[in-house]
Protein backbone atom coordinates (compact mmCIF):
# COMPACT_ATOMS: atom_id res chain seq x y z
CA UNK A 1 18.03 -8.93 -5.72
CA UNK A 2 19.14 -5.38 -6.40
CA UNK A 3 20.61 -3.38 -3.53
CA UNK A 4 20.43 0.31 -2.73
CA UNK A 5 23.40 2.62 -3.09
CA UNK A 6 24.80 4.37 -0.02
CA UNK A 7 25.42 8.11 -0.30
CA UNK A 8 26.38 11.00 1.97
CA UNK A 9 23.70 13.53 2.95
CA UNK A 10 23.68 16.80 4.85
CA UNK A 11 21.15 16.61 7.67
CA UNK A 12 18.93 19.50 8.74
CA UNK A 13 21.39 20.23 11.55
CA UNK A 14 24.31 20.42 9.13
CA UNK A 15 25.86 17.07 10.08
CA UNK A 16 27.00 14.59 7.46
CA UNK A 17 25.41 11.14 7.51
CA UNK A 18 25.34 8.03 5.38
CA UNK A 19 21.96 7.23 3.81
CA UNK A 20 20.58 4.44 1.71
CA UNK A 21 19.26 5.72 -1.61
CA UNK A 22 16.38 3.49 -2.75
CA UNK A 23 15.11 3.58 -6.30
CA UNK A 24 11.64 2.40 -5.22
CA UNK A 25 9.89 3.79 -2.14
CA UNK A 26 6.89 2.31 -0.32
CA UNK A 27 4.78 4.93 1.48
CA UNK A 28 3.73 3.02 3.48
CA UNK A 29 2.75 -0.37 4.86
CA UNK A 30 3.39 0.91 8.39
CA UNK A 31 1.15 3.98 8.45
CA UNK A 32 -1.12 6.03 6.18
CA UNK A 33 1.30 8.62 4.80
CA UNK A 34 -1.08 10.01 2.12
CA UNK A 35 -3.88 10.59 4.65
CA UNK A 36 -1.90 12.12 7.53
CA UNK A 37 1.68 12.82 6.47
CA UNK A 38 1.51 13.95 2.83
CA UNK A 39 2.87 17.42 3.61
CA UNK A 40 5.69 15.89 5.66
CA UNK A 41 6.59 13.41 2.95
CA UNK A 42 6.68 15.88 0.10
CA UNK A 43 8.67 18.34 2.20
CA UNK A 44 11.20 15.63 2.95
CA UNK A 45 11.25 14.68 -0.74
CA UNK A 46 12.13 18.29 -1.53
CA UNK A 47 14.78 18.40 1.22
CA UNK A 48 16.17 15.16 -0.20
CA UNK A 49 16.06 12.76 2.72
CA UNK A 50 14.15 11.55 5.76
CA UNK A 51 15.05 9.52 8.81
CA UNK A 52 13.57 6.17 9.75
CA UNK A 53 13.63 4.38 13.09
CA UNK A 54 13.97 0.60 13.04
CA UNK A 55 10.98 -0.80 15.00
CA UNK A 56 12.98 -3.77 16.25
CA UNK A 57 16.13 -2.13 17.61
CA UNK A 58 15.27 1.58 17.76
CA UNK A 59 18.25 2.56 15.60
CA UNK A 60 17.76 5.63 13.40
CA UNK A 61 18.88 5.43 9.79
CA UNK A 62 18.56 7.79 6.84
CA UNK A 63 16.86 7.50 3.48
CA UNK A 64 17.96 9.67 0.56
CA UNK A 65 15.52 10.39 -2.28
CA UNK A 66 18.26 11.27 -4.74
CA UNK A 67 17.84 8.03 -6.70
CA UNK A 68 14.08 7.61 -6.24
CA UNK A 69 12.30 6.77 -9.50
CA UNK A 70 9.00 5.26 -8.31
CA UNK A 71 6.70 5.42 -5.27
CA UNK A 72 3.98 3.01 -4.24
CA UNK A 73 1.44 4.74 -1.99
CA UNK A 74 -0.81 2.83 0.43
CA UNK A 75 -3.84 4.58 1.88
CA UNK A 76 -7.43 4.50 3.10
CA UNK A 77 -7.81 8.20 2.37
CA UNK A 78 -5.38 9.40 -0.31
CA UNK A 79 -7.29 12.62 -0.98
CA UNK A 80 -4.43 14.82 0.38
CA UNK A 81 -2.24 13.56 -2.48
CA UNK A 82 -4.16 15.71 -4.97
CA UNK A 83 -2.16 18.75 -3.87
CA UNK A 84 1.16 17.00 -4.52
CA UNK A 85 0.86 14.66 -7.51
CA UNK A 86 2.09 17.29 -9.96
CA UNK A 87 5.26 17.56 -7.85
CA UNK A 88 6.02 13.93 -8.63
CA UNK A 89 5.44 14.52 -12.30
CA UNK A 90 7.81 17.47 -12.17
CA UNK A 91 10.47 15.26 -10.59
CA UNK A 92 9.88 12.46 -13.14
CA UNK A 93 8.94 10.06 -10.34
CA UNK A 94 6.26 7.51 -11.18
CA UNK A 95 3.63 6.23 -8.80
CA UNK A 96 0.52 4.19 -8.27
CA UNK A 97 -1.79 3.85 -5.26
CA UNK A 98 -2.86 0.81 -3.29
CA UNK A 99 -6.23 2.15 -2.11
CA UNK A 100 -7.87 0.22 0.74
CA UNK A 101 -11.57 0.85 0.26
CA UNK A 102 -13.52 -1.23 2.77
CA UNK A 103 -17.05 -0.87 4.08
CA UNK A 104 -17.19 -1.36 7.84
CA UNK A 105 -19.23 1.79 8.50
CA UNK A 106 -22.20 0.14 10.17
CA UNK A 107 -19.99 -1.96 12.42
CA UNK A 108 -17.69 0.95 13.37
CA UNK A 109 -14.44 -0.88 12.65
CA UNK A 110 -12.90 2.09 10.82
CA UNK A 111 -14.15 5.14 12.70
CA UNK A 112 -11.31 7.37 11.52
CA UNK A 113 -11.86 7.11 7.76
CA UNK A 114 -14.14 9.42 5.74
CA UNK A 115 -17.66 8.25 4.75
CA UNK A 116 -17.77 5.52 2.13
CA UNK A 117 -19.37 7.80 -0.48
CA UNK A 118 -16.53 10.30 -0.17
CA UNK A 119 -13.91 7.57 -0.40
CA UNK A 120 -15.49 6.19 -3.58
CA UNK A 121 -15.54 9.69 -5.05
CA UNK A 122 -11.86 10.15 -4.15
CA UNK A 123 -11.04 6.86 -5.87
CA UNK A 124 -12.70 7.95 -9.10
CA UNK A 125 -11.09 11.39 -9.07
CA UNK A 126 -7.67 9.84 -8.54
CA UNK A 127 -8.20 7.59 -11.55
CA UNK A 128 -9.23 10.62 -13.60
CA UNK A 129 -6.04 12.37 -12.45
CA UNK A 130 -3.52 9.54 -12.72
CA UNK A 131 -4.98 7.30 -15.40
CA UNK A 132 -6.32 3.79 -15.74
CA UNK A 133 -4.62 1.09 -13.68
CA UNK A 134 -2.80 3.42 -11.30
CA UNK A 135 -5.35 3.09 -8.47
CA UNK A 136 -5.77 -0.47 -7.19
CA UNK A 137 -8.79 -1.41 -5.10
CA UNK A 138 -8.12 -3.33 -1.90
CA UNK A 139 -10.82 -4.76 0.37
CA UNK A 140 -8.37 -5.63 3.08
CA UNK A 141 -8.76 -7.32 5.44
CA UNK A 142 -11.92 -9.38 5.23
CA UNK A 143 -12.90 -9.85 8.86
CA UNK A 144 -15.56 -12.12 10.36
CA UNK A 145 -17.33 -11.00 13.55
CA UNK A 146 -20.62 -11.64 15.29
CA UNK A 147 -21.97 -8.77 13.15
CA UNK A 148 -20.26 -9.62 9.85
CA UNK A 149 -20.69 -12.95 8.11
CA UNK A 150 -19.55 -14.12 4.70
CA UNK A 151 -22.82 -13.05 3.06
CA UNK A 152 -22.39 -9.56 4.54
CA UNK A 153 -18.86 -9.28 3.20
CA UNK A 154 -19.90 -10.34 -0.28
CA UNK A 155 -22.70 -7.75 -0.27
CA UNK A 156 -20.23 -5.07 0.78
CA UNK A 157 -17.78 -6.11 -1.95
CA UNK A 158 -20.60 -6.21 -4.50
CA UNK A 159 -21.74 -2.69 -3.64
CA UNK A 160 -18.28 -1.16 -3.98
CA UNK A 161 -17.42 -3.33 -6.99
CA UNK A 162 -20.46 -2.05 -8.84
CA UNK A 163 -19.52 1.55 -8.06
CA UNK A 164 -15.92 1.17 -9.21
CA UNK A 165 -16.64 -0.57 -12.49
CA UNK A 166 -14.67 1.22 -15.18
CA UNK A 167 -12.32 2.74 -12.60
CA UNK A 168 -10.23 -0.22 -11.47
CA UNK A 169 -8.80 -3.34 -13.02
CA UNK A 170 -8.13 -5.35 -9.89
CA UNK A 171 -9.50 -6.29 -6.48
CA UNK A 172 -6.91 -7.29 -3.88
CA UNK A 173 -8.04 -8.85 -0.61
CA UNK A 174 -6.80 -10.79 2.38
CA UNK A 175 -8.43 -12.78 5.14
CA UNK A 176 -7.92 -11.34 8.61
CA UNK A 177 -5.43 -13.63 10.35
CA UNK A 178 -5.90 -12.43 13.89
CA UNK A 179 -4.06 -15.21 15.70
CA UNK A 180 -0.88 -14.30 13.81
CA UNK A 181 -0.80 -10.76 15.27
CA UNK A 182 -0.92 -10.65 19.06
CA UNK A 183 -1.50 -6.90 19.21
CA UNK A 184 -4.44 -7.19 16.78
CA UNK A 185 -5.98 -9.85 18.98
CA UNK A 186 -5.41 -7.75 22.08
CA UNK A 187 -6.85 -4.59 20.53
CA UNK A 188 -9.96 -6.38 19.25
CA UNK A 189 -10.58 -7.96 22.62
CA UNK A 190 -10.02 -4.61 24.36
CA UNK A 191 -12.70 -3.08 22.12
CA UNK A 192 -14.97 -6.10 22.72
CA UNK A 193 -15.06 -7.07 19.03
CA UNK A 194 -16.23 -10.68 18.84
CA UNK A 195 -14.22 -11.96 15.89
CA UNK A 196 -13.70 -15.40 14.43
CA UNK A 197 -10.84 -16.80 12.39
CA UNK A 198 -11.30 -17.89 8.79
CA UNK A 199 -11.19 -21.63 8.22
CA UNK A 200 -9.65 -23.08 5.06
CA UNK A 201 -13.11 -24.19 3.96
CA UNK A 202 -14.51 -20.68 4.40
CA UNK A 203 -11.66 -19.18 2.37
CA UNK A 204 -12.35 -21.60 -0.49
CA UNK A 205 -16.08 -20.86 -0.37
CA UNK A 206 -15.58 -17.09 -0.29
CA UNK A 207 -13.17 -17.24 -3.23
CA UNK A 208 -15.57 -19.37 -5.25
CA UNK A 209 -18.46 -16.99 -4.62
CA UNK A 210 -16.30 -13.94 -5.36
CA UNK A 211 -15.16 -15.41 -8.68
CA UNK A 212 -18.79 -16.07 -9.58
CA UNK A 213 -19.79 -12.54 -8.54
CA UNK A 214 -17.01 -11.09 -10.69
CA UNK A 215 -18.33 -13.09 -13.63
CA UNK A 216 -22.07 -12.46 -13.23
CA UNK A 217 -21.59 -8.73 -12.62
CA UNK A 218 -19.34 -8.42 -15.66
CA UNK A 219 -16.66 -6.65 -13.66
CA UNK A 220 -13.81 -8.65 -15.16
CA UNK A 221 -11.56 -7.58 -12.31
CA UNK A 222 -8.32 -9.43 -11.75
CA UNK A 223 -8.84 -11.00 -8.31
CA UNK A 224 -5.79 -11.40 -6.10
CA UNK A 225 -4.91 -12.21 -2.51
CA UNK A 226 -2.27 -10.34 -0.52
CA UNK A 227 0.16 -12.44 1.52
CA UNK A 228 -2.05 -15.53 1.57
CA UNK A 229 -0.67 -19.06 1.43
CA UNK A 230 -3.86 -20.58 0.02
CA UNK A 231 -4.05 -21.35 -3.68
CA UNK A 232 -7.62 -20.45 -4.60
CA UNK A 233 -9.22 -21.19 -7.97
CA UNK A 234 -9.58 -18.06 -10.08
CA UNK A 235 -7.52 -15.96 -7.64
CA UNK A 236 -3.96 -14.72 -8.22
CA UNK A 237 -1.26 -14.15 -5.64
CA UNK A 238 -0.72 -10.40 -5.72
CA UNK A 239 2.52 -8.42 -6.02
CA UNK A 240 1.50 -5.18 -4.36
CA UNK A 241 4.87 -3.57 -5.04
CA UNK A 242 4.81 -4.75 -8.63
CA UNK A 243 7.57 -4.44 -11.18
CA UNK A 244 5.12 -5.31 -13.97
CA UNK A 245 3.13 -2.18 -13.16
CA UNK A 246 6.32 -0.14 -13.05
CA UNK A 247 7.28 -1.43 -16.47
CA UNK A 248 3.79 -0.61 -17.75
CA UNK A 249 3.81 2.96 -16.43
CA UNK A 250 7.51 3.88 -16.59
CA UNK A 251 9.11 1.84 -19.35
CA UNK A 252 10.58 5.10 -20.66
CA UNK A 253 12.60 5.53 -17.44
CA UNK A 254 15.94 3.92 -18.27
CA UNK A 255 17.33 4.32 -14.74
CA UNK A 256 14.34 2.47 -13.29
CA UNK A 257 14.43 -0.23 -15.96
CA UNK A 258 18.17 -0.74 -15.41
CA UNK A 259 17.59 -1.08 -11.69
CA UNK A 260 14.85 -3.65 -12.30
CA UNK A 261 17.10 -5.55 -14.69
CA UNK A 262 14.58 -5.07 -17.50
CA UNK A 263 15.50 -4.99 -21.17
CA UNK A 264 12.97 -3.59 -23.61
CA UNK A 265 13.49 -3.98 -27.33
CA UNK A 266 11.37 -2.18 -29.88
CA UNK A 267 9.10 -4.15 -32.16
CA UNK A 268 9.48 -4.40 -35.91
CA UNK A 269 7.22 -4.71 -38.92
CA UNK A 270 6.48 -8.37 -38.24
CA UNK A 271 6.28 -8.14 -34.42
CA UNK A 272 5.15 -4.59 -33.59
CA UNK A 273 4.86 -5.13 -29.83
CA UNK A 274 8.01 -4.42 -27.79
CA UNK A 275 9.75 -7.38 -26.16
CA UNK A 276 10.25 -7.18 -22.39
CA UNK A 277 12.92 -9.35 -20.78
CA UNK A 278 13.46 -9.53 -17.02
CA UNK A 279 17.01 -10.49 -16.22
CA UNK A 280 16.59 -10.99 -12.48
CA UNK A 281 14.13 -11.78 -9.70
CA UNK A 282 13.30 -8.57 -7.83
CA UNK A 283 11.22 -10.20 -5.10
CA UNK A 284 11.87 -8.83 -1.61
CA UNK A 285 13.10 -11.80 0.41
CA UNK A 286 12.78 -9.75 3.61
CA UNK A 287 8.98 -9.69 3.52
CA UNK A 288 6.53 -12.24 4.90
CA UNK A 289 6.79 -15.75 3.49
CA UNK A 290 3.87 -15.43 1.09
CA UNK A 291 4.35 -11.78 0.17
CA UNK A 292 4.95 -11.32 -3.54
CA UNK A 293 6.23 -7.74 -3.38
CA UNK A 294 9.41 -6.74 -5.09
CA UNK A 295 12.16 -4.88 -3.28
CA UNK A 296 11.39 -1.36 -2.03
CA UNK A 297 12.19 0.82 0.96
CA UNK A 298 9.26 1.49 3.27
CA UNK A 299 9.66 4.90 4.89
CA UNK A 300 6.78 4.80 7.39
CA UNK A 301 6.84 3.92 11.08
CA UNK A 302 4.54 1.84 13.24
CA UNK A 303 2.28 3.33 15.94
CA UNK A 304 1.65 6.50 13.94
CA UNK A 305 -1.68 5.93 12.17
CA UNK A 306 -4.62 7.85 13.69
CA UNK A 307 -7.27 6.11 11.58
CA UNK A 308 -7.49 3.87 14.70
CA UNK A 309 -9.08 0.93 12.89
CA UNK A 310 -10.10 -1.75 15.35
CA UNK A 311 -8.19 -4.53 13.56
CA UNK A 312 -5.01 -2.50 12.89
CA UNK A 313 -1.75 -4.49 12.90
CA UNK A 314 0.45 -1.37 12.73
CA UNK A 315 -0.51 0.22 16.06
CA UNK A 316 0.28 -1.41 19.38
CA UNK A 317 -2.53 0.68 20.86
CA UNK A 318 -4.76 3.60 19.90
CA UNK A 319 -3.28 5.67 22.71
CA UNK A 320 0.25 5.21 21.41
CA UNK A 321 -0.77 6.11 17.86
CA UNK A 322 -2.45 9.33 19.03
CA UNK A 323 0.56 10.23 21.17
CA UNK A 324 2.97 9.80 18.26
CA UNK A 325 0.69 11.70 15.86
CA UNK A 326 0.45 14.60 18.32
CA UNK A 327 4.23 14.59 18.57
CA UNK A 328 4.43 14.77 14.78
CA UNK A 329 2.18 17.84 14.79
CA UNK A 330 4.60 19.60 17.13
CA UNK A 331 7.33 19.21 14.49
CA UNK A 332 5.46 18.41 11.27
CA UNK A 333 8.41 18.77 8.91
CA UNK A 334 11.08 17.05 11.00
CA UNK A 335 13.43 14.32 9.85
CA UNK A 336 11.22 11.51 11.12
CA UNK A 337 7.51 10.98 10.82
CA UNK A 338 7.25 11.15 14.60
CA UNK A 339 8.86 14.59 14.77
CA UNK A 340 11.99 13.46 16.57
């Protein structure tokens, strides 16, 4: 697996510090940077670095953007990116967006996101701006409650899937694994959400019905699970931070291709298509066991997302997330996302 270079940076206060300089940035699995911190992120990109606090030991480290060639954005409301996407183009930094577009409006599980209609419109406008394949639809997670059964979820997926036809190539999903995340369980119980875990049989049934829906509706979406152990017929295991997509969208970027260990040879008269050879495995061994993502540096921090979704794994509590977001607003362009 490729490793990041270490370089010296000048901090805002004038001090010198050592920073890791990732080629690929994830923004972010830990919080919704496009929705709430887009101005902060693009300011820090212009400054050249940001600081990141390790959630496990509280140690602050620094991330330089000097070598950055590609960014994967994760969001439930990426509309604020519209004001910044041309900046990336000007810096020759590629991107695509993992767009979580769920429908839990009636049940109130995502009170902080815009209305579904607006989110669908944002999705389509982003595709028009960025191009086909650069906005990936996620219905994530699929959660079962006393108000939401499997039939309900399939109807919700069908409604959005019909609306996005022609605008996305893939549907990525996961099954809410509540027992695995103690804080998710605690937050759901605190909000009196009567959930139930997915059984293996239910996962198989849902996948079968989703594959059939994809076929009968003529969507032809690639269907993929995120971080799931189960091998389900007709369903791929996704690579959300995906070197294949980076090759597709940025094959002209030699620095990125060299980092990925990718060799691209031009076609000839008899074989006009270029040949792509991957010389190494870029999978991030530091992620969850069944995560297929390749190596990247995530620059977000936990307990900072004010969407306040009931099932959120990234916030220990709603109160803590609001407190940290308020602190960010007191110093919105500081080194860290929390303003410290």
